[in-house]
Amino acid sequence: MTSKTEQTGQTGQTGQAAGAAGRAEAAAEALGYEQARDELIEVVRRLETGGTTLEESLALWERGEELAKVCRSRLDGARARLDAALAEETAGAGRAEDGSGDL
């Protein structure tokens, strides 16, 4: 059975960890695609090389997940921009072919 003091200490540590994770996630979101990709490559290299403690490996894994999410988000955004540009181009070509385009 844990004491009230031990429970409070554990709750404080959990809150601190959650705050740190939130800050790390926000920092990751601020990265551009290339920066996130390069850091992700380094995280994977460190995990594959080994020689880290379990805690370090878990922290690296979590950081890698954050970075992968950023990369995925940036690529999804780029895909949406390309799709919109292609749709606009296709719509413009359709108007020009039927004579309804602006001249």
N, C-alpha and C. Protein backbone atom coordinates (compact mmCIF):
# COMPACT_ATOMS: atom_id res chain seq x y z
N MET A 1 0.84 -1.17 0.00
CA MET A 1 0.00 0.00 0.00
C MET A 1 0.89 1.24 0.00
N THR A 2 0.59 2.23 -0.81
CA THR A 2 1.40 3.43 -0.89
C THR A 2 0.82 4.51 0.00
N SER A 3 1.71 5.35 0.51
CA SER A 3 1.27 6.43 1.37
C SER A 3 0.73 7.58 0.53
N LYS A 4 0.08 8.51 1.20
CA LYS A 4 -0.45 9.68 0.53
C LYS A 4 0.69 10.48 -0.12
N THR A 5 1.81 10.58 0.56
CA THR A 5 2.97 11.29 0.04
C THR A 5 3.51 10.63 -1.21
N GLU A 6 3.60 9.30 -1.21
CA GLU A 6 4.08 8.58 -2.39
C GLU A 6 3.14 8.76 -3.57
N GLN A 7 1.83 8.72 -3.29
CA GLN A 7 0.85 8.89 -4.36
C GLN A 7 0.95 10.28 -4.95
N THR A 8 1.09 11.31 -4.09
CA THR A 8 1.21 12.68 -4.57
C THR A 8 2.46 12.84 -5.41
N GLY A 9 3.57 12.24 -4.98
CA GLY A 9 4.82 12.31 -5.73
C GLY A 9 4.69 11.67 -7.09
N GLN A 10 4.01 10.53 -7.15
CA GLN A 10 3.81 9.85 -8.43
C GLN A 10 2.94 10.68 -9.35
N THR A 11 1.89 11.30 -8.80
CA THR A 11 1.01 12.14 -9.61
C THR A 11 1.77 13.33 -10.16
N GLY A 12 2.62 13.93 -9.32
CA GLY A 12 3.43 15.06 -9.77
C GLY A 12 4.37 14.67 -10.89
N GLN A 13 4.97 13.49 -10.78
CA GLN A 13 5.89 13.03 -11.81
C GLN A 13 5.13 12.77 -13.10
N THR A 14 3.94 12.20 -12.99
CA THR A 14 3.13 11.94 -14.18
C THR A 14 2.75 13.25 -14.85
N GLY A 15 2.37 14.25 -14.06
CA GLY A 15 2.02 15.56 -14.61
C GLY A 15 3.20 16.22 -15.28
N GLN A 16 4.37 16.11 -14.67
CA GLN A 16 5.58 16.68 -15.25
C GLN A 16 5.92 15.99 -16.57
N ALA A 17 5.79 14.67 -16.58
CA ALA A 17 6.09 13.92 -17.81
C ALA A 17 5.12 14.31 -18.92
N ALA A 18 3.85 14.47 -18.56
CA ALA A 18 2.85 14.87 -19.57
C ALA A 18 3.15 16.26 -20.10
N GLY A 19 3.57 17.18 -19.22
CA GLY A 19 3.93 18.53 -19.65
C GLY A 19 5.13 18.52 -20.57
N ALA A 20 6.14 17.73 -20.22
CA ALA A 20 7.34 17.62 -21.05
C ALA A 20 7.00 17.02 -22.41
N ALA A 21 6.14 16.00 -22.41
CA ALA A 21 5.74 15.38 -23.67
C ALA A 21 4.99 16.37 -24.55
N GLY A 22 4.14 17.17 -23.94
CA GLY A 22 3.40 18.18 -24.70
C GLY A 22 4.32 19.21 -25.31
N ARG A 23 5.33 19.64 -24.55
CA ARG A 23 6.30 20.60 -25.08
C ARG A 23 7.12 19.99 -26.22
N ALA A 24 7.50 18.73 -26.06
CA ALA A 24 8.28 18.05 -27.11
C ALA A 24 7.45 17.91 -28.37
N GLU A 25 6.17 17.60 -28.21
CA GLU A 25 5.29 17.46 -29.37
C GLU A 25 5.13 18.80 -30.09
N ALA A 26 4.97 19.87 -29.32
CA ALA A 26 4.84 21.20 -29.91
C ALA A 26 6.12 21.58 -30.64
N ALA A 27 7.26 21.25 -30.05
CA ALA A 27 8.55 21.54 -30.70
C ALA A 27 8.67 20.75 -32.00
N ALA A 28 8.23 19.50 -31.99
CA ALA A 28 8.29 18.68 -33.20
C ALA A 28 7.40 19.27 -34.28
N GLU A 29 6.22 19.75 -33.90
CA GLU A 29 5.29 20.33 -34.87
C GLU A 29 5.86 21.57 -35.55
N ALA A 30 6.77 22.26 -34.86
CA ALA A 30 7.37 23.48 -35.41
C ALA A 30 8.43 23.17 -36.47
N LEU A 31 8.87 21.93 -36.55
CA LEU A 31 9.90 21.55 -37.51
C LEU A 31 9.33 21.47 -38.92
N GLY A 32 10.16 21.79 -39.87
CA GLY A 32 9.80 21.57 -41.26
C GLY A 32 9.98 20.09 -41.59
N TYR A 33 9.53 19.69 -42.77
CA TYR A 33 9.61 18.29 -43.16
C TYR A 33 11.05 17.79 -43.16
N GLU A 34 11.94 18.53 -43.80
CA GLU A 34 13.34 18.08 -43.91
C GLU A 34 14.01 17.94 -42.56
N GLN A 35 13.74 18.91 -41.66
CA GLN A 35 14.33 18.83 -40.32
C GLN A 35 13.80 17.61 -39.56
N ALA A 36 12.49 17.39 -39.62
CA ALA A 36 11.89 16.25 -38.93
C ALA A 36 12.40 14.94 -39.51
N ARG A 37 12.51 14.88 -40.83
CA ARG A 37 13.02 13.67 -41.48
C ARG A 37 14.46 13.38 -41.07
N ASP A 38 15.29 14.42 -41.08
CA ASP A 38 16.70 14.22 -40.71
C ASP A 38 16.84 13.77 -39.26
N GLU A 39 16.05 14.38 -38.37
CA GLU A 39 16.11 13.96 -36.97
C GLU A 39 15.59 12.54 -36.81
N LEU A 40 14.56 12.19 -37.55
CA LEU A 40 14.01 10.83 -37.49
C LEU A 40 15.05 9.82 -37.96
N ILE A 41 15.78 10.14 -39.00
CA ILE A 41 16.85 9.26 -39.48
C ILE A 41 17.88 9.03 -38.38
N GLU A 42 18.23 10.10 -37.68
CA GLU A 42 19.21 10.00 -36.59
C GLU A 42 18.65 9.15 -35.43
N VAL A 43 17.38 9.31 -35.10
CA VAL A 43 16.75 8.52 -34.04
C VAL A 43 16.79 7.04 -34.41
N VAL A 44 16.44 6.71 -35.63
CA VAL A 44 16.44 5.32 -36.09
C VAL A 44 17.86 4.76 -36.04
N ARG A 45 18.83 5.55 -36.48
CA ARG A 45 20.23 5.11 -36.44
C ARG A 45 20.66 4.78 -35.01
N ARG A 46 20.29 5.65 -34.07
CA ARG A 46 20.68 5.41 -32.67
C ARG A 46 20.00 4.18 -32.12
N LEU A 47 18.73 3.96 -32.48
CA LEU A 47 18.03 2.77 -32.00
C LEU A 47 18.64 1.50 -32.60
N GLU A 48 18.97 1.55 -33.88
CA GLU A 48 19.55 0.38 -34.54
C GLU A 48 20.95 0.06 -34.03
N THR A 49 21.71 1.11 -33.68
CA THR A 49 23.06 0.91 -33.18
C THR A 49 23.05 0.25 -31.81
N GLY A 50 22.04 0.56 -31.01
CA GLY A 50 21.95 -0.01 -29.67
C GLY A 50 22.86 0.73 -28.70
N GLY A 51 23.10 0.09 -27.56
CA GLY A 51 23.97 0.69 -26.56
C GLY A 51 23.27 1.71 -25.69
N THR A 52 21.95 1.81 -25.81
CA THR A 52 21.21 2.74 -24.96
C THR A 52 20.45 1.95 -23.90
N THR A 53 20.14 2.64 -22.82
CA THR A 53 19.35 1.99 -21.77
C THR A 53 17.92 1.83 -22.25
N LEU A 54 17.16 1.07 -21.52
CA LEU A 54 15.75 0.88 -21.86
C LEU A 54 15.03 2.23 -21.86
N GLU A 55 15.28 3.05 -20.84
CA GLU A 55 14.62 4.36 -20.76
C GLU A 55 15.01 5.25 -21.95
N GLU A 56 16.29 5.25 -22.30
CA GLU A 56 16.74 6.03 -23.45
C GLU A 56 16.10 5.52 -24.74
N SER A 57 16.03 4.21 -24.88
CA SER A 57 15.41 3.62 -26.07
C SER A 57 13.94 3.99 -26.17
N LEU A 58 13.24 3.95 -25.04
CA LEU A 58 11.83 4.33 -25.04
C LEU A 58 11.66 5.80 -25.40
N ALA A 59 12.52 6.65 -24.85
CA ALA A 59 12.45 8.08 -25.17
C ALA A 59 12.73 8.31 -26.65
N LEU A 60 13.72 7.60 -27.20
CA LEU A 60 14.01 7.72 -28.62
C LEU A 60 12.83 7.25 -29.47
N TRP A 61 12.24 6.13 -29.07
CA TRP A 61 11.08 5.59 -29.81
C TRP A 61 9.95 6.62 -29.83
N GLU A 62 9.65 7.21 -28.65
CA GLU A 62 8.58 8.20 -28.57
C GLU A 62 8.89 9.41 -29.45
N ARG A 63 10.13 9.86 -29.42
CA ARG A 63 10.52 10.99 -30.26
C ARG A 63 10.38 10.62 -31.74
N GLY A 64 10.77 9.42 -32.08
CA GLY A 64 10.62 8.96 -33.46
C GLY A 64 9.16 8.95 -33.90
N GLU A 65 8.27 8.53 -33.01
CA GLU A 65 6.84 8.54 -33.33
C GLU A 65 6.35 9.97 -33.58
N GLU A 66 6.79 10.91 -32.74
CA GLU A 66 6.40 12.32 -32.92
C GLU A 66 6.90 12.84 -34.26
N LEU A 67 8.16 12.54 -34.57
CA LEU A 67 8.75 13.01 -35.81
C LEU A 67 8.08 12.39 -37.03
N ALA A 68 7.74 11.11 -36.93
CA ALA A 68 7.05 10.44 -38.04
C ALA A 68 5.68 11.09 -38.27
N LYS A 69 5.02 11.46 -37.18
CA LYS A 69 3.71 12.12 -37.29
C LYS A 69 3.85 13.46 -37.99
N VAL A 70 4.91 14.21 -37.66
CA VAL A 70 5.17 15.49 -38.31
C VAL A 70 5.42 15.28 -39.80
N CYS A 71 6.26 14.32 -40.14
CA CYS A 71 6.56 14.04 -41.54
C CYS A 71 5.29 13.67 -42.30
N ARG A 72 4.49 12.79 -41.71
CA ARG A 72 3.24 12.38 -42.34
C ARG A 72 2.32 13.58 -42.56
N SER A 73 2.23 14.44 -41.56
CA SER A 73 1.37 15.62 -41.66
C SER A 73 1.85 16.56 -42.76
N ARG A 74 3.16 16.79 -42.83
CA ARG A 74 3.72 17.66 -43.86
C ARG A 74 3.49 17.08 -45.26
N LEU A 75 3.67 15.77 -45.40
CA LEU A 75 3.44 15.13 -46.70
C LEU A 75 1.97 15.16 -47.09
N ASP A 76 1.08 14.97 -46.12
CA ASP A 76 -0.35 15.05 -46.39
C ASP A 76 -0.73 16.45 -46.86
N GLY A 77 -0.13 17.47 -46.22
CA GLY A 77 -0.38 18.86 -46.62
C GLY A 77 0.11 19.13 -48.03
N ALA A 78 1.29 18.62 -48.35
CA ALA A 78 1.84 18.80 -49.69
C ALA A 78 0.96 18.11 -50.73
N ARG A 79 0.48 16.90 -50.39
CA ARG A 79 -0.40 16.16 -51.30
C ARG A 79 -1.69 16.93 -51.55
N ALA A 80 -2.25 17.53 -50.51
CA ALA A 80 -3.48 18.31 -50.65
C ALA A 80 -3.25 19.52 -51.55
N ARG A 81 -2.11 20.18 -51.38
CA ARG A 81 -1.80 21.33 -52.24
C ARG A 81 -1.64 20.91 -53.69
N LEU A 82 -0.96 19.78 -53.93
CA LEU A 82 -0.81 19.28 -55.30
C LEU A 82 -2.16 18.92 -55.91
N ASP A 83 -2.98 18.22 -55.14
CA ASP A 83 -4.31 17.83 -55.63
C ASP A 83 -5.14 19.07 -55.98
N ALA A 84 -5.07 20.10 -55.12
CA ALA A 84 -5.83 21.33 -55.38
C ALA A 84 -5.32 22.01 -56.65
N ALA A 85 -4.00 22.07 -56.82
CA ALA A 85 -3.43 22.69 -58.02
C ALA A 85 -3.81 21.92 -59.27
N LEU A 86 -3.77 20.60 -59.20
CA LEU A 86 -4.15 19.78 -60.36
C LEU A 86 -5.63 19.93 -60.68
N ALA A 87 -6.46 19.99 -59.65
CA ALA A 87 -7.90 20.16 -59.86
C ALA A 87 -8.18 21.51 -60.51
N GLU A 88 -7.47 22.53 -60.07
CA GLU A 88 -7.64 23.87 -60.63
C GLU A 88 -7.20 23.90 -62.09
N GLU A 89 -6.08 23.25 -62.35
CA GLU A 89 -5.55 23.19 -63.72
C GLU A 89 -6.53 22.44 -64.63
N THR A 90 -7.05 21.34 -64.14
CA THR A 90 -8.00 20.54 -64.92
C THR A 90 -9.28 21.32 -65.19
N ALA A 91 -9.76 22.04 -64.16
CA ALA A 91 -10.97 22.84 -64.33
C ALA A 91 -10.73 23.97 -65.32
N GLY A 92 -9.56 24.58 -65.26
CA GLY A 92 -9.22 25.65 -66.21
C GLY A 92 -9.14 25.15 -67.62
N ALA A 93 -8.57 23.96 -67.82
CA ALA A 93 -8.46 23.37 -69.15
C ALA A 93 -9.84 23.03 -69.70
N GLY A 94 -10.74 22.60 -68.85
CA GLY A 94 -12.09 22.25 -69.26
C GLY A 94 -12.84 23.50 -69.72
N ARG A 95 -12.67 24.61 -69.03
CA ARG A 95 -13.33 25.87 -69.42
C ARG A 95 -12.78 26.38 -70.74
N ALA A 96 -11.46 26.23 -70.94
CA ALA A 96 -10.85 26.72 -72.19
C ALA A 96 -11.33 25.91 -73.38
N GLU A 97 -11.51 24.60 -73.19
CA GLU A 97 -11.94 23.73 -74.29
C GLU A 97 -13.38 24.00 -74.71
N ASP A 98 -14.24 24.35 -73.76
CA ASP A 98 -15.64 24.57 -74.13
C ASP A 98 -15.93 26.04 -74.44
N GLY A 99 -14.88 26.87 -74.44
CA GLY A 99 -15.05 28.27 -74.82
C GLY A 99 -15.53 29.16 -73.70
N SER A 100 -15.66 28.64 -72.49
CA SER A 100 -16.15 29.46 -71.39
C SER A 100 -15.02 30.08 -70.57
N GLY A 101 -13.79 29.89 -71.00
CA GLY A 101 -12.64 30.45 -70.27
C GLY A 101 -12.55 31.93 -70.46
N ASP A 102 -11.91 32.61 -69.52
CA ASP A 102 -11.72 34.07 -69.61
C ASP A 102 -10.60 34.36 -70.60
N LEU A 103 -10.84 35.27 -71.50
CA LEU A 103 -9.81 35.69 -72.45
C LEU A 103 -9.70 37.18 -72.46
